Amino acid sequence: MLERIRIVLIGTSHPGNIGATARAMHNMGLGDLALVSPRCEPLTSESISRASGADHIVHAARVVETLEEAVADCTLAVGASARSRTLPWPMITPRALGERLPAELAGPESRVALVFGREDSGLSNAELQRCHAHVHIPTNPDFSSLNLAAAVQVLAYECRLAWLEAGNGGGSRENDQDEEPQQPLASHQELEHYFAHLERTLIAIGFHDPALPRQLMARLRRFTLRARPERMELNILRGMLTATEKCAAGHPGADEGAVSPPDEKGGDGTA
């Protein structure tokens, strides 16, 4: 379970925080680190020194330009934030996050990203809206500022605690044979393609005016991320959007490039 949890740092400005984060991760058995547009050189003598033996994580860290790249293959992205600044978003505690991880990572293709923002300003509203949920560490309200690596340590600890309570990732539930096989959840990249398709379609039919957005796409994004759609369900929705676009253009009916509903044998619905 732990190997499918990714720590994502956005816009980190101090190499020591990258090294300290690697140390916190290694303490708790995590090893997947992604750096989004760091504002410092990640691999320095200070980052290696602060890693204190976890420098292999710093060396292996993947550096990308955008949050979308960092979490493209993830089925759950959780942003660390004190609050959602413009639009209420699902908010959970670190303990609740840990408790839901075994179920979230039950599927073989499931992967979770824990996203942390800049030391001085945290995550932007746009970045927060690309996360399924936000996690808030309930610090002392009179002194709530928390070091980046310390925040990572708190969430990494809860991840490890959940892993230990699940029997070191082993064990099985009774009557599993009576349950429906779990379908893979849509990845972050697939969801972003869907949101782009949805916005394009809503503009085409005159339902959405980009000049007067009224937080429409943000609210639809929040609704969809809260629903946690499976890949097959997302394909159905995209098939409906494709059919809607054709009707709006005066060309009803499917063609070879359409995304169609899945068949009864479990196909994913892509042509």
C-alpha atoms as a PDB file:
ATOM      1  CA  MET A   1       0.000   0.000   0.000  1.00  0.00           C
ATOM      2  CA  LEU A   2       2.677   2.503   1.010  1.00  0.00           C
ATOM      3  CA  GLU A   3       4.529   2.218  -2.289  1.00  0.00           C
ATOM      4  CA  ARG A   4       1.452   3.596  -4.088  1.00  0.00           C
ATOM      5  CA  ILE A   5       1.313   6.801  -2.051  1.00  0.00           C
ATOM      6  CA  ARG A   6       3.044   9.761  -3.697  1.00  0.00           C
ATOM      7  CA  ILE A   7       4.142  12.936  -1.955  1.00  0.00           C
ATOM      8  CA  VAL A   8       3.894  15.968  -4.270  1.00  0.00           C
ATOM      9  CA  LEU A   9       5.627  19.252  -3.392  1.00  0.00           C
ATOM     10  CA  ILE A  10       4.724  22.336  -5.429  1.00  0.00           C
ATOM     11  CA  GLY A  11       7.038  25.323  -5.824  1.00  0.00           C
ATOM     12  CA  THR A  12       9.381  24.388  -2.976  1.00  0.00           C
ATOM     13  CA  SER A  13      11.835  27.250  -2.376  1.00  0.00           C
ATOM     14  CA  HIS A  14      14.354  25.706   0.017  1.00  0.00           C
ATOM     15  CA  PRO A  15      16.411  22.567  -0.757  1.00  0.00           C
ATOM     16  CA  GLY A  16      16.552  21.749   2.955  1.00  0.00           C
ATOM     17  CA  ASN A  17      12.782  21.240   2.965  1.00  0.00           C
ATOM     18  CA  ILE A  18      13.091  18.734   0.128  1.00  0.00           C
ATOM     19  CA  GLY A  19      15.705  16.776   2.063  1.00  0.00           C
ATOM     20  CA  ALA A  20      13.698  16.937   5.294  1.00  0.00           C
ATOM     21  CA  THR A  21      10.618  15.752   3.412  1.00  0.00           C
ATOM     22  CA  ALA A  22      12.579  12.769   2.064  1.00  0.00           C
ATOM     23  CA  ARG A  23      13.633  11.924   5.617  1.00  0.00           C
ATOM     24  CA  ALA A  24      10.040  12.140   6.874  1.00  0.00           C
ATOM     25  CA  MET A  25       8.890   9.903   4.031  1.00  0.00           C
ATOM     26  CA  HIS A  26      11.585   7.279   4.592  1.00  0.00           C
ATOM     27  CA  ASN A  27      10.812   7.237   8.337  1.00  0.00           C
ATOM     28  CA  MET A  28       7.285   6.096   7.485  1.00  0.00           C
ATOM     29  CA  GLY A  29       8.071   3.776   4.584  1.00  0.00           C
ATOM     30  CA  LEU A  30       7.113   6.084   1.699  1.00  0.00           C
ATOM     31  CA  GLY A  31       9.394   6.476  -1.308  1.00  0.00           C
ATOM     32  CA  ASP A  32       7.567   8.197  -4.176  1.00  0.00           C
ATOM     33  CA  LEU A  33       8.377  11.925  -4.347  1.00  0.00           C
ATOM     34  CA  ALA A  34       7.393  14.358  -7.111  1.00  0.00           C
ATOM     35  CA  LEU A  35       8.507  17.989  -7.312  1.00  0.00           C
ATOM     36  CA  VAL A  36       6.393  20.460  -9.281  1.00  0.00           C
ATOM     37  CA  SER A  37       8.301  23.510 -10.565  1.00  0.00           C
ATOM     38  CA  PRO A  38      10.658  23.771  -7.585  1.00  0.00           C
ATOM     39  CA  ARG A  39      11.973  27.275  -6.983  1.00  0.00           C
ATOM     40  CA  CYS A  40      15.347  25.917  -5.896  1.00  0.00           C
ATOM     41  CA  GLU A  41      17.836  23.309  -7.043  1.00  0.00           C
ATOM     42  CA  PRO A  42      16.501  20.057  -5.520  1.00  0.00           C
ATOM     43  CA  LEU A  43      19.802  18.207  -5.356  1.00  0.00           C
ATOM     44  CA  THR A  44      22.232  20.173  -3.204  1.00  0.00           C
ATOM     45  CA  SER A  45      24.559  19.450  -0.297  1.00  0.00           C
ATOM     46  CA  GLU A  46      21.897  20.851   2.040  1.00  0.00           C
ATOM     47  CA  SER A  47      19.067  18.680   0.702  1.00  0.00           C
ATOM     48  CA  ILE A  48      21.312  15.610   0.977  1.00  0.00           C
ATOM     49  CA  SER A  49      22.386  16.582   4.496  1.00  0.00           C
ATOM     50  CA  ARG A  50      18.805  17.202   5.673  1.00  0.00           C
ATOM     51  CA  ALA A  51      17.713  13.871   4.180  1.00  0.00           C
ATOM     52  CA  SER A  52      19.941  12.144   6.781  1.00  0.00           C
ATOM     53  CA  GLY A  53      20.239   8.842   4.948  1.00  0.00           C
ATOM     54  CA  ALA A  54      17.117   9.178   2.802  1.00  0.00           C
ATOM     55  CA  ASP A  55      19.003  10.898  -0.028  1.00  0.00           C
ATOM     56  CA  HIS A  56      18.045   8.070  -2.408  1.00  0.00           C
ATOM     57  CA  ILE A  57      14.522   9.555  -2.370  1.00  0.00           C
ATOM     58  CA  VAL A  58      15.899  12.988  -3.300  1.00  0.00           C
ATOM     59  CA  HIS A  59      17.951  11.469  -6.131  1.00  0.00           C
ATOM     60  CA  ALA A  60      14.923   9.543  -7.439  1.00  0.00           C
ATOM     61  CA  ALA A  61      12.445  12.433  -7.134  1.00  0.00           C
ATOM     62  CA  ARG A  62      10.606  13.195 -10.368  1.00  0.00           C
ATOM     63  CA  VAL A  63      10.658  16.871 -11.372  1.00  0.00           C
ATOM     64  CA  VAL A  64       7.729  18.082 -13.519  1.00  0.00           C
ATOM     65  CA  GLU A  65       6.277  21.415 -14.591  1.00  0.00           C
ATOM     66  CA  THR A  66       2.635  21.036 -13.533  1.00  0.00           C
ATOM     67  CA  LEU A  67       0.472  19.423 -10.888  1.00  0.00           C
ATOM     68  CA  GLU A  68      -1.409  17.619 -13.659  1.00  0.00           C
ATOM     69  CA  GLU A  69       1.805  15.844 -14.701  1.00  0.00           C
ATOM     70  CA  ALA A  70       2.615  14.894 -11.119  1.00  0.00           C
ATOM     71  CA  VAL A  71      -0.747  13.244 -10.428  1.00  0.00           C
ATOM     72  CA  ALA A  72      -1.787  12.095 -13.916  1.00  0.00           C
ATOM     73  CA  ASP A  73      -1.859   8.400 -12.954  1.00  0.00           C
ATOM     74  CA  CYS A  74      -3.403   8.917  -9.493  1.00  0.00           C
ATOM     75  CA  THR A  75      -6.968   7.958  -8.630  1.00  0.00           C
ATOM     76  CA  LEU A  76      -7.104  10.161  -5.521  1.00  0.00           C
ATOM     77  CA  ALA A  77      -5.391  13.512  -4.985  1.00  0.00           C
ATOM     78  CA  VAL A  78      -5.622  15.154  -1.562  1.00  0.00           C
ATOM     79  CA  GLY A  79      -4.379  18.711  -1.058  1.00  0.00           C
ATOM     80  CA  ALA A  80      -2.975  19.876   2.280  1.00  0.00           C
ATOM     81  CA  SER A  81      -4.690  23.170   3.075  1.00  0.00           C
ATOM     82  CA  ALA A  82      -5.824  25.205   6.050  1.00  0.00           C
ATOM     83  CA  ARG A  83      -9.080  26.014   4.261  1.00  0.00           C
ATOM     84  CA  SER A  84     -10.764  26.226   0.876  1.00  0.00           C
ATOM     85  CA  ARG A  85     -10.701  29.912   0.050  1.00  0.00           C
ATOM     86  CA  THR A  86     -13.454  30.481  -2.515  1.00  0.00           C
ATOM     87  CA  LEU A  87     -15.636  27.387  -2.765  1.00  0.00           C
ATOM     88  CA  PRO A  88     -16.294  24.812  -0.017  1.00  0.00           C
ATOM     89  CA  TRP A  89     -14.597  21.483  -0.815  1.00  0.00           C
ATOM     90  CA  PRO A  90     -14.639  18.105   0.962  1.00  0.00           C
ATOM     91  CA  MET A  91     -12.342  18.554   4.007  1.00  0.00           C
ATOM     92  CA  ILE A  92     -10.963  15.644   6.054  1.00  0.00           C
ATOM     93  CA  THR A  93      -8.621  15.218   9.000  1.00  0.00           C
ATOM     94  CA  PRO A  94      -5.279  13.380   8.769  1.00  0.00           C
ATOM     95  CA  ARG A  95      -6.751  10.472  10.762  1.00  0.00           C
ATOM     96  CA  ALA A  96      -9.754  10.209   8.423  1.00  0.00           C
ATOM     97  CA  LEU A  97      -7.370  10.262   5.463  1.00  0.00           C
ATOM     98  CA  GLY A  98      -5.420   7.345   6.872  1.00  0.00           C
ATOM     99  CA  GLU A  99      -8.584   5.384   7.603  1.00  0.00           C
ATOM    100  CA  ARG A 100      -9.784   5.594   4.000  1.00  0.00           C
ATOM    101  CA  LEU A 101      -6.457   4.620   2.400  1.00  0.00           C
ATOM    102  CA  PRO A 102      -6.874   0.799   2.543  1.00  0.00           C
ATOM    103  CA  ALA A 103     -10.134   1.043   0.592  1.00  0.00           C
ATOM    104  CA  GLU A 104      -8.742   3.686  -1.771  1.00  0.00           C
ATOM    105  CA  LEU A 105      -5.732   1.508  -2.607  1.00  0.00           C
ATOM    106  CA  ALA A 106      -7.607  -1.782  -2.870  1.00  0.00           C
ATOM    107  CA  GLY A 107      -7.537  -1.759  -6.674  1.00  0.00           C
ATOM    108  CA  PRO A 108      -4.284  -2.774  -8.401  1.00  0.00           C
ATOM    109  CA  GLU A 109      -4.209   0.435 -10.457  1.00  0.00           C
ATOM    110  CA  SER A 110      -5.067   2.758  -7.572  1.00  0.00           C
ATOM    111  CA  ARG A 111      -2.581   5.423  -6.535  1.00  0.00           C
ATOM    112  CA  VAL A 112      -2.896   8.283  -4.037  1.00  0.00           C
ATOM    113  CA  ALA A 113      -1.165  11.667  -4.178  1.00  0.00           C
ATOM    114  CA  LEU A 114      -0.743  13.887  -1.114  1.00  0.00           C
ATOM    115  CA  VAL A 115      -0.155  17.409  -2.422  1.00  0.00           C
ATOM    116  CA  PHE A 116       1.659  20.152  -0.501  1.00  0.00           C
ATOM    117  CA  GLY A 117       2.009  23.782  -1.561  1.00  0.00           C
ATOM    118  CA  ARG A 118       4.633  26.490  -1.350  1.00  0.00           C
ATOM    119  CA  GLU A 119       6.232  27.369   1.978  1.00  0.00           C
ATOM    120  CA  ASP A 120       5.040  30.977   1.776  1.00  0.00           C
ATOM    121  CA  SER A 121       1.613  30.719   0.151  1.00  0.00           C
ATOM    122  CA  GLY A 122       0.502  27.075   0.091  1.00  0.00           C
ATOM    123  CA  LEU A 123      -1.655  25.778  -2.750  1.00  0.00           C
ATOM    124  CA  SER A 124      -3.469  28.105  -5.140  1.00  0.00           C
ATOM    125  CA  ASN A 125      -7.239  27.895  -5.567  1.00  0.00           C
ATOM    126  CA  ALA A 126      -6.767  26.331  -9.012  1.00  0.00           C
ATOM    127  CA  GLU A 127      -4.494  23.643  -7.537  1.00  0.00           C
ATOM    128  CA  LEU A 128      -6.903  22.964  -4.685  1.00  0.00           C
ATOM    129  CA  GLN A 129      -9.723  22.494  -7.196  1.00  0.00           C
ATOM    130  CA  ARG A 130      -7.720  19.733  -8.867  1.00  0.00           C
ATOM    131  CA  CYS A 131      -7.795  17.675  -5.676  1.00  0.00           C
ATOM    132  CA  HIS A 132     -10.626  15.328  -4.734  1.00  0.00           C
ATOM    133  CA  ALA A 133     -10.451  16.455  -1.109  1.00  0.00           C
ATOM    134  CA  HIS A 134      -8.476  18.720   1.207  1.00  0.00           C
ATOM    135  CA  VAL A 135      -6.802  17.616   4.422  1.00  0.00           C
ATOM    136  CA  HIS A 136      -6.403  19.998   7.339  1.00  0.00           C
ATOM    137  CA  ILE A 137      -3.982  19.409  10.210  1.00  0.00           C
ATOM    138  CA  PRO A 138      -5.722  20.784  13.340  1.00  0.00           C
ATOM    139  CA  THR A 139      -2.861  22.863  14.739  1.00  0.00           C
ATOM    140  CA  ASN A 140      -2.964  25.399  17.549  1.00  0.00           C
ATOM    141  CA  PRO A 141      -5.019  28.295  16.106  1.00  0.00           C
ATOM    142  CA  ASP A 142      -2.772  30.763  17.947  1.00  0.00           C
ATOM    143  CA  PHE A 143       0.309  29.363  16.182  1.00  0.00           C
ATOM    144  CA  SER A 144      -0.847  27.421  13.138  1.00  0.00           C
ATOM    145  CA  SER A 145       2.171  27.823  10.831  1.00  0.00           C
ATOM    146  CA  LEU A 146       3.645  24.375  10.197  1.00  0.00           C
ATOM    147  CA  ASN A 147       6.968  23.565   8.553  1.00  0.00           C
ATOM    148  CA  LEU A 148       6.572  21.773   5.214  1.00  0.00           C
ATOM    149  CA  ALA A 149       8.456  18.641   6.264  1.00  0.00           C
ATOM    150  CA  ALA A 150       6.549  18.549   9.564  1.00  0.00           C
ATOM    151  CA  ALA A 151       3.252  18.588   7.662  1.00  0.00           C
ATOM    152  CA  VAL A 152       4.488  15.754   5.451  1.00  0.00           C
ATOM    153  CA  GLN A 153       5.553  13.841   8.575  1.00  0.00           C
ATOM    154  CA  VAL A 154       2.063  14.107  10.106  1.00  0.00           C
ATOM    155  CA  LEU A 155       0.310  12.747   7.018  1.00  0.00           C
ATOM    156  CA  ALA A 156       2.991  10.117   6.362  1.00  0.00           C
ATOM    157  CA  TYR A 157       2.548   8.887   9.946  1.00  0.00           C
ATOM    158  CA  GLU A 158      -1.197   8.493   9.447  1.00  0.00           C
ATOM    159  CA  CYS A 159      -0.522   6.555   6.232  1.00  0.00           C
ATOM    160  CA  ARG A 160       1.819   4.196   8.047  1.00  0.00           C
ATOM    161  CA  LEU A 161      -0.582   3.787  10.960  1.00  0.00           C
ATOM    162  CA  ALA A 162      -3.338   2.768   8.550  1.00  0.00           C
ATOM    163  CA  TRP A 163      -0.954   0.314   6.856  1.00  0.00           C
ATOM    164  CA  LEU A 164      -0.024  -1.262  10.199  1.00  0.00           C
ATOM    165  CA  GLU A 165      -3.648  -1.524  11.295  1.00  0.00           C
ATOM    166  CA  ALA A 166      -4.470  -3.241   8.002  1.00  0.00           C
ATOM    167  CA  GLY A 167      -1.988  -5.977   8.918  1.00  0.00           C
ATOM    168  CA  ASN A 168       1.071  -4.667   7.052  1.00  0.00           C
ATOM    169  CA  GLY A 169      -0.934  -4.581   3.862  1.00  0.00           C
ATOM    170  CA  GLY A 170      -1.841  -8.260   4.113  1.00  0.00           C
ATOM    171  CA  GLY A 171      -4.960 -10.093   5.148  1.00  0.00           C
ATOM    172  CA  SER A 172      -8.205 -10.517   3.261  1.00  0.00           C
ATOM    173  CA  ARG A 173     -11.829  -9.856   3.963  1.00  0.00           C
ATOM    174  CA  GLU A 174     -14.357 -12.621   4.360  1.00  0.00           C
ATOM    175  CA  ASN A 175     -16.943 -13.200   1.664  1.00  0.00           C
ATOM    176  CA  ASP A 176     -14.909 -11.351  -0.955  1.00  0.00           C
ATOM    177  CA  GLN A 177     -16.197 -13.865  -3.485  1.00  0.00           C
ATOM    178  CA  ASP A 178     -19.714 -12.520  -2.938  1.00  0.00           C
ATOM    179  CA  GLU A 179     -18.751  -8.961  -3.831  1.00  0.00           C
ATOM    180  CA  GLU A 180     -18.620  -7.480  -7.288  1.00  0.00           C
ATOM    181  CA  PRO A 181     -15.069  -7.102  -8.641  1.00  0.00           C
ATOM    182  CA  GLN A 182     -13.837  -3.577  -8.008  1.00  0.00           C
ATOM    183  CA  GLN A 183     -13.629  -1.500 -11.166  1.00  0.00           C
ATOM    184  CA  PRO A 184     -10.671   0.836 -11.657  1.00  0.00           C
ATOM    185  CA  LEU A 185     -11.340   4.448 -10.767  1.00  0.00           C
ATOM    186  CA  ALA A 186     -10.745   7.161 -13.331  1.00  0.00           C
ATOM    187  CA  SER A 187      -7.240   8.594 -13.106  1.00  0.00           C
ATOM    188  CA  HIS A 188      -6.537  12.288 -12.634  1.00  0.00           C
ATOM    189  CA  GLN A 189      -5.473  12.573 -16.277  1.00  0.00           C
ATOM    190  CA  GLU A 190      -8.692  10.934 -17.480  1.00  0.00           C
ATOM    191  CA  LEU A 191     -10.717  13.276 -15.284  1.00  0.00           C
ATOM    192  CA  GLU A 192      -8.920  16.332 -16.681  1.00  0.00           C
ATOM    193  CA  HIS A 193      -9.696  15.173 -20.245  1.00  0.00           C
ATOM    194  CA  TYR A 194     -13.333  14.775 -19.190  1.00  0.00           C
ATOM    195  CA  PHE A 195     -13.505  18.282 -17.675  1.00  0.00           C
ATOM    196  CA  ALA A 196     -12.054  19.787 -20.861  1.00  0.00           C
ATOM    197  CA  HIS A 197     -14.601  17.816 -22.932  1.00  0.00           C
ATOM    198  CA  LEU A 198     -17.438  18.864 -20.621  1.00  0.00           C
ATOM    199  CA  GLU A 199     -16.555  22.559 -20.794  1.00  0.00           C
ATOM    200  CA  ARG A 200     -16.225  22.428 -24.595  1.00  0.00           C
ATOM    201  CA  THR A 201     -19.645  20.793 -24.901  1.00  0.00           C
ATOM    202  CA  LEU A 202     -21.373  23.195 -22.510  1.00  0.00           C
ATOM    203  CA  ILE A 203     -19.990  26.137 -24.471  1.00  0.00           C
ATOM    204  CA  ALA A 204     -21.131  24.563 -27.753  1.00  0.00           C
ATOM    205  CA  ILE A 205     -24.738  24.192 -26.572  1.00  0.00           C
ATOM    206  CA  GLY A 206     -24.806  27.688 -25.038  1.00  0.00           C
ATOM    207  CA  PHE A 207     -25.095  26.537 -21.428  1.00  0.00           C
ATOM    208  CA  HIS A 208     -21.723  27.927 -20.341  1.00  0.00           C
ATOM    209  CA  ASP A 209     -20.337  31.366 -21.125  1.00  0.00           C
ATOM    210  CA  PRO A 210     -16.572  31.560 -20.349  1.00  0.00           C
ATOM    211  CA  ALA A 211     -16.907  35.355 -20.058  1.00  0.00           C
ATOM    212  CA  LEU A 212     -19.423  34.890 -17.197  1.00  0.00           C
ATOM    213  CA  PRO A 213     -18.333  31.588 -15.610  1.00  0.00           C
ATOM    214  CA  ARG A 214     -20.119  32.031 -12.240  1.00  0.00           C
ATOM    215  CA  GLN A 215     -17.944  29.182 -10.872  1.00  0.00           C
ATOM    216  CA  LEU A 216     -19.910  26.711 -13.004  1.00  0.00           C
ATOM    217  CA  MET A 217     -16.928  24.548 -13.947  1.00  0.00           C
ATOM    218  CA  ALA A 218     -15.534  24.696 -10.422  1.00  0.00           C
ATOM    219  CA  ARG A 219     -18.834  23.432  -9.025  1.00  0.00           C
ATOM    220  CA  LEU A 220     -19.121  20.688 -11.650  1.00  0.00           C
ATOM    221  CA  ARG A 221     -15.528  19.712 -10.905  1.00  0.00           C
ATOM    222  CA  ARG A 222     -16.270  19.511  -7.181  1.00  0.00           C
ATOM    223  CA  PHE A 223     -19.399  17.414  -7.833  1.00  0.00           C
ATOM    224  CA  THR A 224     -17.554  14.981 -10.121  1.00  0.00           C
ATOM    225  CA  LEU A 225     -14.519  14.576  -7.874  1.00  0.00           C
ATOM    226  CA  ARG A 226     -16.795  13.933  -4.898  1.00  0.00           C
ATOM    227  CA  ALA A 227     -18.530  11.155  -6.862  1.00  0.00           C
ATOM    228  CA  ARG A 228     -15.217   9.308  -7.546  1.00  0.00           C
ATOM    229  CA  PRO A 229     -16.323   7.903 -10.952  1.00  0.00           C
ATOM    230  CA  GLU A 230     -14.964   4.638 -12.267  1.00  0.00           C
ATOM    231  CA  ARG A 231     -13.171   4.665 -15.611  1.00  0.00           C
ATOM    232  CA  MET A 232     -16.115   2.925 -17.295  1.00  0.00           C
ATOM    233  CA  GLU A 233     -18.575   5.464 -15.865  1.00  0.00           C
ATOM    234  CA  LEU A 234     -16.433   8.326 -17.122  1.00  0.00           C
ATOM    235  CA  ASN A 235     -16.374   6.767 -20.586  1.00  0.00           C
ATOM    236  CA  ILE A 236     -20.177   6.678 -20.551  1.00  0.00           C
ATOM    237  CA  LEU A 237     -20.303  10.363 -19.630  1.00  0.00           C
ATOM    238  CA  ARG A 238     -17.862  11.242 -22.394  1.00  0.00           C
ATOM    239  CA  GLY A 239     -19.936   9.236 -24.856  1.00  0.00           C
ATOM    240  CA  MET A 240     -22.971  11.300 -23.861  1.00  0.00           C
ATOM    241  CA  LEU A 241     -20.974  14.501 -24.378  1.00  0.00           C
ATOM    242  CA  THR A 242     -19.851  13.353 -27.824  1.00  0.00           C
ATOM    243  CA  ALA A 243     -23.460  12.589 -28.816  1.00  0.00           C
ATOM    244  CA  THR A 244     -24.544  15.992 -27.477  1.00  0.00           C
ATOM    245  CA  GLU A 245     -21.870  17.760 -29.542  1.00  0.00           C
ATOM    246  CA  LYS A 246     -23.052  15.976 -32.678  1.00  0.00           C
ATOM    247  CA  CYS A 247     -26.684  16.883 -32.070  1.00  0.00           C
ATOM    248  CA  ALA A 248     -25.722  20.512 -31.444  1.00  0.00           C
ATOM    249  CA  ALA A 249     -23.817  20.532 -34.726  1.00  0.00           C
ATOM    250  CA  GLY A 250     -26.783  18.997 -36.571  1.00  0.00           C
ATOM    251  CA  HIS A 251     -25.105  15.608 -37.061  1.00  0.00           C
ATOM    252  CA  PRO A 252     -26.852  13.122 -34.758  1.00  0.00           C
ATOM    253  CA  GLY A 253     -25.603   9.543 -34.571  1.00  0.00           C
ATOM    254  CA  ALA A 254     -22.298   7.923 -33.684  1.00  0.00           C
ATOM    255  CA  ASP A 255     -19.184   7.653 -35.756  1.00  0.00           C
ATOM    256  CA  GLU A 256     -15.964   5.703 -35.481  1.00  0.00           C
ATOM    257  CA  GLY A 257     -14.252   8.304 -33.314  1.00  0.00           C
ATOM    258  CA  ALA A 258     -16.941   8.458 -30.648  1.00  0.00           C
ATOM    259  CA  VAL A 259     -16.657   7.243 -27.090  1.00  0.00           C
ATOM    260  CA  SER A 260     -19.463   4.719 -26.744  1.00  0.00           C
ATOM    261  CA  PRO A 261     -21.102   3.073 -23.720  1.00  0.00           C
ATOM    262  CA  PRO A 262     -19.365  -0.077 -22.411  1.00  0.00           C
ATOM    263  CA  ASP A 263     -20.609  -3.446 -23.480  1.00  0.00           C
ATOM    264  CA  GLU A 264     -21.911  -6.129 -21.149  1.00  0.00           C
ATOM    265  CA  LYS A 265     -18.581  -7.960 -21.229  1.00  0.00           C
ATOM    266  CA  GLY A 266     -16.891  -5.119 -19.394  1.00  0.00           C
ATOM    267  CA  GLY A 267     -15.283  -3.184 -22.239  1.00  0.00           C
ATOM    268  CA  ASP A 268     -14.138   0.293 -21.365  1.00  0.00           C
ATOM    269  CA  GLY A 269     -16.298   1.977 -23.966  1.00  0.00           C
ATOM    270  CA  THR A 270     -13.508   3.536 -26.020  1.00  0.00           C
ATOM    271  CA  ALA A 271     -13.480   3.084 -29.732  1.00  0.00           C
END
